[in-house]
Amino acid sequence: MEKEAVAAVSAAAAMTWQKLLDSHTDVWRKLWTSGFGISHSYAQGAINGDSINATMYFVLSQTSTPLHSAHTTTAMKSELQGYLSYTEGCYSGIRTLQATNLWTPLTSLTKVDTVVSYWLLNLEKNGCHNLIKAGADGVIQAMVLSLPGLKFSNHHLELNVHPKELHRDLTVRRLNYGNETHVNISLNVMEDNRAAIFVSLDKRNRDYYACDAGCLDPPVKLGLTPQQFPVKLTEPVTSILYVTADHEHMIDLKHTIHVVEMGEAPAHEQHVLELHRTGARLGGLHPLFWFSIATIIVIFHLFLFRLIYNEYCAGPSEKYRIRY
């Protein structure tokens, strides 16, 4: 490991600064092809985009990129691509947006190292060990899977999250399904306060299909245009979305999920949505608005007090100056 590190530093030192910068930028651009987005929340303790981006950056910065190294042989690159393709079981834990120990402040090198080690350990122990073997290219795929609660399971990709948690807009961008297909998934809170799912493909090597919770409805063929699916609540609670290239497998799923009851998930309560949108616990306008109103009221009363004081308490000379 030490010899490899020394060799890498020596190779970088032999490059011109422009070539080194271009190489560095190119690798990061390829890594950020996949990504995760979430609407901003003003709720206390909410995880927002700045924290997610910073955490992903530090985790990827401490992970090697052998697929982009000139020292990696063709045979090794082929093996690494195989790791990227074998995603079965990733990600099997609770969605990482709810794992508080993965989002501690990144205010020192010690805290950064701790968070990075927790992330890599969490991904490895929850079925993403093969992706981690592929380096940063696999790690970012595993992180994107873990954030909303996505899992590759027995020939399909499923979204396992309780509908009550979908009170913020989420976006999964260009998630790898094998090496030749990119899946886009969006969960948006609509005007009726219910969440809806939108699925599309950026790139594909064959036909893909999707169904919502229970898979009782016929599979829907996916393409470049986003297909909308309702968010359903089942008893017992099951995944709310399934995606696969195996049409027959998707038809068989409805006989294996075993739901007793199913219906469209209830609308989110307005005060919950307002807590995220404005930070106000009981809904309504942003606290900054009420602070501005209070400031205006205080200034008005100070002005009124001055008028009353000048009228009844000031001496004749002061009244004369004020009136004339």
Protein backbone atom coordinates (compact mmCIF):
# COMPACT_ATOMS: atom_id res chain seq x y z
CA MET A 1 0.00 0.00 0.00
CA GLU A 2 2.83 2.40 0.89
CA LYS A 3 4.63 1.70 -2.40
CA GLU A 4 1.41 2.29 -4.35
CA ALA A 5 0.88 5.61 -2.56
CA VAL A 6 4.45 6.75 -3.27
CA ALA A 7 4.10 5.73 -6.92
CA ALA A 8 0.84 7.66 -7.24
CA VAL A 9 2.34 10.80 -5.71
CA SER A 10 5.40 10.54 -7.96
CA ALA A 11 3.22 10.13 -11.06
CA ALA A 12 1.14 13.17 -10.07
CA ALA A 13 4.26 15.24 -9.42
CA ALA A 14 5.55 14.44 -12.90
CA MET A 15 2.42 15.92 -14.53
CA THR A 16 1.98 19.57 -15.45
CA TRP A 17 -0.45 21.50 -13.27
CA GLN A 18 -2.93 21.87 -16.14
CA LYS A 19 -2.90 18.17 -16.97
CA LEU A 20 -3.28 17.30 -13.29
CA LEU A 21 -6.21 19.71 -12.96
CA ASP A 22 -7.90 18.38 -16.11
CA SER A 23 -7.47 14.78 -14.96
CA HIS A 24 -8.84 15.59 -11.49
CA THR A 25 -11.83 17.48 -12.93
CA ASP A 26 -12.61 14.72 -15.41
CA VAL A 27 -12.77 12.03 -12.72
CA TRP A 28 -15.04 14.11 -10.50
CA ARG A 29 -17.32 14.90 -13.43
CA LYS A 30 -17.73 11.19 -14.12
CA LEU A 31 -18.37 10.43 -10.44
CA TRP A 32 -21.07 13.11 -10.17
CA THR A 33 -22.96 11.65 -13.14
CA SER A 34 -25.13 9.94 -10.54
CA GLY A 35 -26.55 11.95 -7.69
CA PHE A 36 -29.26 12.65 -5.14
CA GLY A 37 -31.35 15.77 -4.59
CA ILE A 38 -33.76 16.83 -1.86
CA SER A 39 -35.90 19.91 -1.28
CA HIS A 40 -34.67 22.27 1.43
CA SER A 41 -36.22 21.88 4.86
CA TYR A 42 -36.37 24.52 7.60
CA ALA A 43 -37.28 21.92 10.23
CA GLN A 44 -34.87 21.63 13.14
CA GLY A 45 -32.28 18.90 12.60
CA ALA A 46 -33.28 18.25 8.97
CA ILE A 47 -30.61 16.97 6.59
CA ASN A 48 -30.27 19.31 3.60
CA GLY A 49 -28.38 19.35 0.33
CA ASP A 50 -25.29 21.17 1.62
CA SER A 51 -24.70 18.53 4.29
CA ILE A 52 -25.36 15.67 1.86
CA ASN A 53 -23.01 17.06 -0.78
CA ALA A 54 -20.24 17.75 1.73
CA THR A 55 -20.51 14.28 3.26
CA MET A 56 -20.49 12.57 -0.15
CA TYR A 57 -17.48 14.65 -1.16
CA PHE A 58 -15.45 13.63 1.89
CA VAL A 59 -16.39 9.95 1.56
CA LEU A 60 -15.45 9.89 -2.13
CA SER A 61 -12.26 11.89 -1.48
CA GLN A 62 -11.03 9.15 0.85
CA THR A 63 -11.87 6.36 -1.60
CA SER A 64 -9.58 5.29 -4.45
CA THR A 65 -10.61 5.47 -8.11
CA PRO A 66 -8.91 2.44 -9.70
CA LEU A 67 -11.23 2.51 -12.73
CA HIS A 68 -9.72 5.87 -13.72
CA SER A 69 -6.09 5.04 -12.94
CA ALA A 70 -3.58 4.60 -15.74
CA HIS A 71 -1.86 1.94 -13.63
CA THR A 72 -4.93 -0.33 -13.57
CA THR A 73 -4.62 -3.16 -16.08
CA THR A 74 -7.35 -4.05 -18.54
CA ALA A 75 -8.01 -7.31 -16.71
CA MET A 76 -8.35 -5.49 -13.39
CA LYS A 77 -10.72 -2.92 -14.90
CA SER A 78 -12.88 -5.74 -16.24
CA GLU A 79 -13.00 -7.24 -12.74
CA LEU A 80 -13.92 -3.87 -11.22
CA GLN A 81 -16.74 -3.43 -13.76
CA GLY A 82 -18.00 -6.80 -12.62
CA TYR A 83 -18.21 -5.52 -9.05
CA LEU A 84 -20.24 -2.54 -10.28
CA SER A 85 -22.67 -4.91 -11.98
CA TYR A 86 -23.16 -7.16 -8.95
CA THR A 87 -25.45 -5.05 -6.78
CA GLU A 88 -27.64 -7.78 -5.30
CA GLY A 89 -28.66 -6.93 -1.71
CA CYS A 90 -27.48 -3.32 -1.78
CA TYR A 91 -28.80 -1.40 0.16
CA SER A 92 -30.50 -3.49 2.88
CA GLY A 93 -30.39 -1.20 5.94
CA ILE A 94 -32.62 1.67 7.04
CA ARG A 95 -32.35 4.60 4.68
CA THR A 96 -29.33 6.67 5.58
CA LEU A 97 -31.28 9.94 5.64
CA GLN A 98 -32.58 8.72 9.01
CA ALA A 99 -29.21 7.54 10.38
CA THR A 100 -28.15 10.44 12.62
CA ASN A 101 -24.62 9.18 13.30
CA LEU A 102 -23.82 9.54 9.58
CA TRP A 103 -24.55 13.29 9.60
CA THR A 104 -22.47 14.69 12.43
CA PRO A 105 -20.79 18.09 11.78
CA LEU A 106 -17.68 17.93 9.60
CA THR A 107 -15.83 20.56 11.59
CA SER A 108 -12.49 18.83 12.12
CA LEU A 109 -10.32 16.18 10.45
CA THR A 110 -11.08 13.75 13.26
CA LYS A 111 -14.84 14.16 12.78
CA VAL A 112 -14.47 13.83 9.01
CA ASP A 113 -12.49 10.59 9.39
CA THR A 114 -15.10 9.25 11.81
CA VAL A 115 -18.03 10.02 9.51
CA VAL A 116 -16.25 8.52 6.49
CA SER A 117 -15.42 5.32 8.39
CA TYR A 118 -19.04 5.02 9.59
CA TRP A 119 -20.34 5.46 6.05
CA LEU A 120 -18.07 2.84 4.50
CA LEU A 121 -18.76 0.39 7.34
CA ASN A 122 -22.51 0.96 7.07
CA LEU A 123 -22.53 0.39 3.30
CA GLU A 124 -20.36 -2.72 3.56
CA LYS A 125 -22.48 -4.35 6.28
CA ASN A 126 -25.71 -3.65 4.42
CA GLY A 127 -25.02 -5.54 1.24
CA CYS A 128 -22.91 -3.04 -0.74
CA HIS A 129 -19.53 -4.75 -0.27
CA ASN A 130 -19.12 -5.49 -3.98
CA LEU A 131 -19.77 -1.89 -4.96
CA ILE A 132 -17.18 -0.72 -2.42
CA LYS A 133 -14.60 -3.03 -4.04
CA ALA A 134 -15.04 -1.02 -7.27
CA GLY A 135 -13.75 2.13 -5.56
CA ALA A 136 -15.37 5.56 -5.63
CA ASP A 137 -17.50 4.66 -8.67
CA GLY A 138 -19.21 1.95 -6.62
CA VAL A 139 -19.32 3.93 -3.37
CA ILE A 140 -21.32 6.77 -4.90
CA GLN A 141 -23.81 4.26 -6.33
CA ALA A 142 -24.17 2.67 -2.89
CA MET A 143 -24.66 6.06 -1.20
CA VAL A 144 -27.31 7.12 -3.72
CA LEU A 145 -29.12 3.81 -3.16
CA SER A 146 -29.00 4.18 0.62
CA LEU A 147 -30.29 7.74 0.91
CA PRO A 148 -33.93 7.20 -0.19
CA GLY A 149 -34.11 3.50 0.74
CA LEU A 150 -33.50 1.76 -2.61
CA LYS A 151 -32.44 -1.89 -2.76
CA PHE A 152 -31.49 -4.36 -5.47
CA SER A 153 -33.24 -7.59 -4.57
CA ASN A 154 -33.67 -10.78 -6.62
CA HIS A 155 -33.76 -9.37 -10.18
CA HIS A 156 -35.43 -6.07 -9.34
CA LEU A 157 -34.87 -2.66 -7.79
CA GLU A 158 -37.31 -1.68 -5.05
CA LEU A 159 -37.95 1.50 -3.07
CA ASN A 160 -38.59 0.59 0.55
CA VAL A 161 -39.75 3.63 2.48
CA HIS A 162 -42.89 4.29 4.51
CA PRO A 163 -45.23 6.74 2.74
CA LYS A 164 -45.44 8.91 5.88
CA GLU A 165 -41.75 9.81 5.41
CA LEU A 166 -42.29 11.29 1.93
CA HIS A 167 -43.03 14.87 2.98
CA ARG A 168 -40.08 16.32 1.00
CA ASP A 169 -39.29 16.18 -2.71
CA LEU A 170 -36.54 13.66 -3.51
CA THR A 171 -34.63 12.99 -6.73
CA VAL A 172 -32.34 10.09 -7.67
CA ARG A 173 -30.37 10.94 -10.81
CA ARG A 174 -28.87 8.41 -13.25
CA LEU A 175 -28.64 5.43 -10.92
CA ASN A 176 -26.80 2.54 -12.59
CA TYR A 177 -28.90 -0.56 -13.22
CA GLY A 178 -26.17 -2.84 -14.52
CA ASN A 179 -23.66 -1.07 -16.75
CA GLU A 180 -25.96 -0.04 -19.59
CA THR A 181 -29.03 1.47 -17.92
CA HIS A 182 -29.55 4.69 -15.95
CA VAL A 183 -32.69 5.09 -13.83
CA ASN A 184 -34.16 8.42 -12.68
CA ILE A 185 -36.62 8.43 -9.77
CA SER A 186 -38.40 11.47 -8.33
CA LEU A 187 -40.78 11.64 -5.40
CA ASN A 188 -42.76 14.87 -5.39
CA VAL A 189 -45.37 16.21 -2.98
CA MET A 190 -48.28 17.27 -5.18
CA GLU A 191 -50.85 20.04 -4.67
CA ASP A 192 -53.19 17.68 -2.80
CA ASN A 193 -50.39 17.03 -0.25
CA ARG A 194 -49.95 13.45 -1.49
CA ALA A 195 -46.63 12.14 -2.73
CA ALA A 196 -46.26 10.79 -6.27
CA ILE A 197 -43.48 8.79 -7.92
CA PHE A 198 -41.98 9.58 -11.33
CA VAL A 199 -39.66 7.10 -13.05
CA SER A 200 -37.73 7.41 -16.32
CA LEU A 201 -34.63 6.03 -18.04
CA ASP A 202 -31.76 8.11 -19.38
CA LYS A 203 -30.11 5.15 -21.06
CA ARG A 204 -31.07 1.51 -21.51
CA ASN A 205 -29.91 -1.66 -23.20
CA ARG A 206 -33.32 -3.38 -23.09
CA ASP A 207 -36.92 -2.79 -21.99
CA TYR A 208 -37.59 -2.01 -18.34
CA TYR A 209 -40.86 -2.05 -16.40
CA ALA A 210 -42.15 -0.66 -13.12
CA CYS A 211 -45.10 -1.14 -10.79
CA ASP A 212 -46.25 0.48 -7.56
CA ALA A 213 -46.85 -1.13 -4.15
CA GLY A 214 -48.24 -4.64 -4.37
CA CYS A 215 -47.70 -4.84 -8.16
CA LEU A 216 -51.42 -5.56 -8.61
CA ASP A 217 -51.64 -3.20 -11.58
CA PRO A 218 -50.11 -4.24 -14.94
CA PRO A 219 -46.40 -3.40 -15.34
CA VAL A 220 -45.67 -0.05 -17.01
CA LYS A 221 -42.95 0.14 -19.63
CA LEU A 222 -40.34 2.81 -18.87
CA GLY A 223 -38.67 5.21 -21.27
CA LEU A 224 -37.30 8.73 -21.56
CA THR A 225 -40.64 10.29 -20.55
CA PRO A 226 -41.28 10.06 -16.78
CA GLN A 227 -44.08 7.67 -15.82
CA GLN A 228 -46.16 8.64 -12.79
CA PHE A 229 -47.10 6.14 -10.09
CA PRO A 230 -49.22 6.73 -6.97
CA VAL A 231 -47.76 6.14 -3.53
CA LYS A 232 -49.76 3.34 -1.93
CA LEU A 233 -49.88 2.12 1.66
CA THR A 234 -50.18 -1.61 2.17
CA GLU A 235 -50.88 -3.84 5.14
CA PRO A 236 -48.35 -5.13 6.01
CA VAL A 237 -46.13 -2.27 4.80
CA THR A 238 -44.19 -3.16 1.64
CA SER A 239 -42.02 -1.34 -0.89
CA ILE A 240 -43.77 1.41 -2.85
CA LEU A 241 -41.98 0.87 -6.19
CA TYR A 242 -40.46 -2.00 -8.17
CA VAL A 243 -38.31 -1.75 -11.32
CA THR A 244 -37.02 -4.65 -13.43
CA ALA A 245 -36.12 -5.71 -16.96
CA ASP A 246 -37.83 -9.09 -16.43
CA HIS A 247 -41.49 -8.66 -17.40
CA GLU A 248 -42.44 -12.14 -16.23
CA HIS A 249 -40.71 -11.59 -12.90
CA MET A 250 -42.75 -8.42 -12.34
CA ILE A 251 -46.00 -10.23 -13.09
CA ASP A 252 -45.04 -12.93 -10.59
CA LEU A 253 -44.28 -10.38 -7.85
CA LYS A 254 -47.97 -9.76 -7.10
CA HIS A 255 -48.23 -13.41 -6.02
CA THR A 256 -45.26 -13.14 -3.65
CA ILE A 257 -45.71 -9.77 -1.90
CA HIS A 258 -48.77 -10.94 0.08
CA VAL A 259 -50.60 -7.74 1.02
CA VAL A 260 -53.84 -7.92 3.01
CA GLU A 261 -55.01 -4.36 2.40
CA MET A 262 -53.86 -1.66 0.01
CA GLY A 263 -54.92 1.87 -0.83
CA GLU A 264 -53.51 5.22 -1.81
CA ALA A 265 -51.41 6.68 0.99
CA PRO A 266 -53.17 9.46 2.93
CA ALA A 267 -52.27 13.07 2.29
CA HIS A 268 -49.68 14.64 4.57
CA GLU A 269 -50.98 16.99 7.23
CA GLN A 270 -50.50 20.63 6.32
CA HIS A 271 -48.61 21.52 9.49
CA VAL A 272 -46.02 18.81 8.77
CA LEU A 273 -45.38 20.18 5.28
CA GLU A 274 -45.23 23.75 6.56
CA LEU A 275 -42.69 22.74 9.19
CA HIS A 276 -40.33 21.75 6.39
CA ARG A 277 -41.25 24.56 4.02
CA THR A 278 -41.16 27.47 6.47
CA GLY A 279 -39.92 26.20 9.83
CA ALA A 280 -43.23 27.17 11.46
CA ARG A 281 -44.51 24.38 13.69
CA LEU A 282 -48.18 25.30 13.26
CA GLY A 283 -47.93 26.26 9.64
CA GLY A 284 -48.29 29.73 8.15
CA LEU A 285 -45.61 32.23 7.30
CA HIS A 286 -41.88 32.10 7.92
CA PRO A 287 -40.70 33.22 11.40
CA LEU A 288 -38.75 36.07 9.74
CA PHE A 289 -42.07 37.55 8.61
CA TRP A 290 -43.43 37.62 12.17
CA PHE A 291 -40.15 39.12 13.43
CA SER A 292 -40.53 41.93 10.87
CA ILE A 293 -44.12 42.56 11.96
CA ALA A 294 -43.08 42.69 15.62
CA THR A 295 -40.29 45.16 14.78
CA ILE A 296 -42.73 47.46 12.95
CA ILE A 297 -45.16 47.34 15.90
CA VAL A 298 -42.40 48.26 18.37
CA ILE A 299 -41.20 51.17 16.20
CA PHE A 300 -44.78 52.44 15.84
CA HIS A 301 -45.33 52.43 19.60
CA LEU A 302 -42.04 54.24 20.19
CA PHE A 303 -43.11 56.93 17.73
CA LEU A 304 -46.55 57.15 19.39
CA PHE A 305 -44.94 57.47 22.81
CA ARG A 306 -42.79 60.36 21.56
CA LEU A 307 -45.84 62.20 20.22
CA ILE A 308 -47.70 61.79 23.53
CA TYR A 309 -44.63 62.88 25.51
CA ASN A 310 -44.15 66.00 23.39
CA GLU A 311 -47.83 66.87 23.66
CA TYR A 312 -48.27 66.56 27.42
CA CYS A 313 -44.82 66.53 29.02
CA ALA A 314 -42.61 68.84 26.95
CA GLY A 315 -42.14 72.51 27.93
CA PRO A 316 -43.66 75.45 25.99
CA SER A 317 -40.45 76.11 24.03
CA GLU A 318 -40.25 72.48 22.91
CA LYS A 319 -43.93 72.51 21.88
CA TYR A 320 -43.35 75.71 19.90
CA ARG A 321 -40.47 74.16 17.98
CA ILE A 322 -42.47 71.05 17.25
CA ARG A 323 -45.68 72.83 16.14
CA TYR A 324 -44.10 75.57 14.11
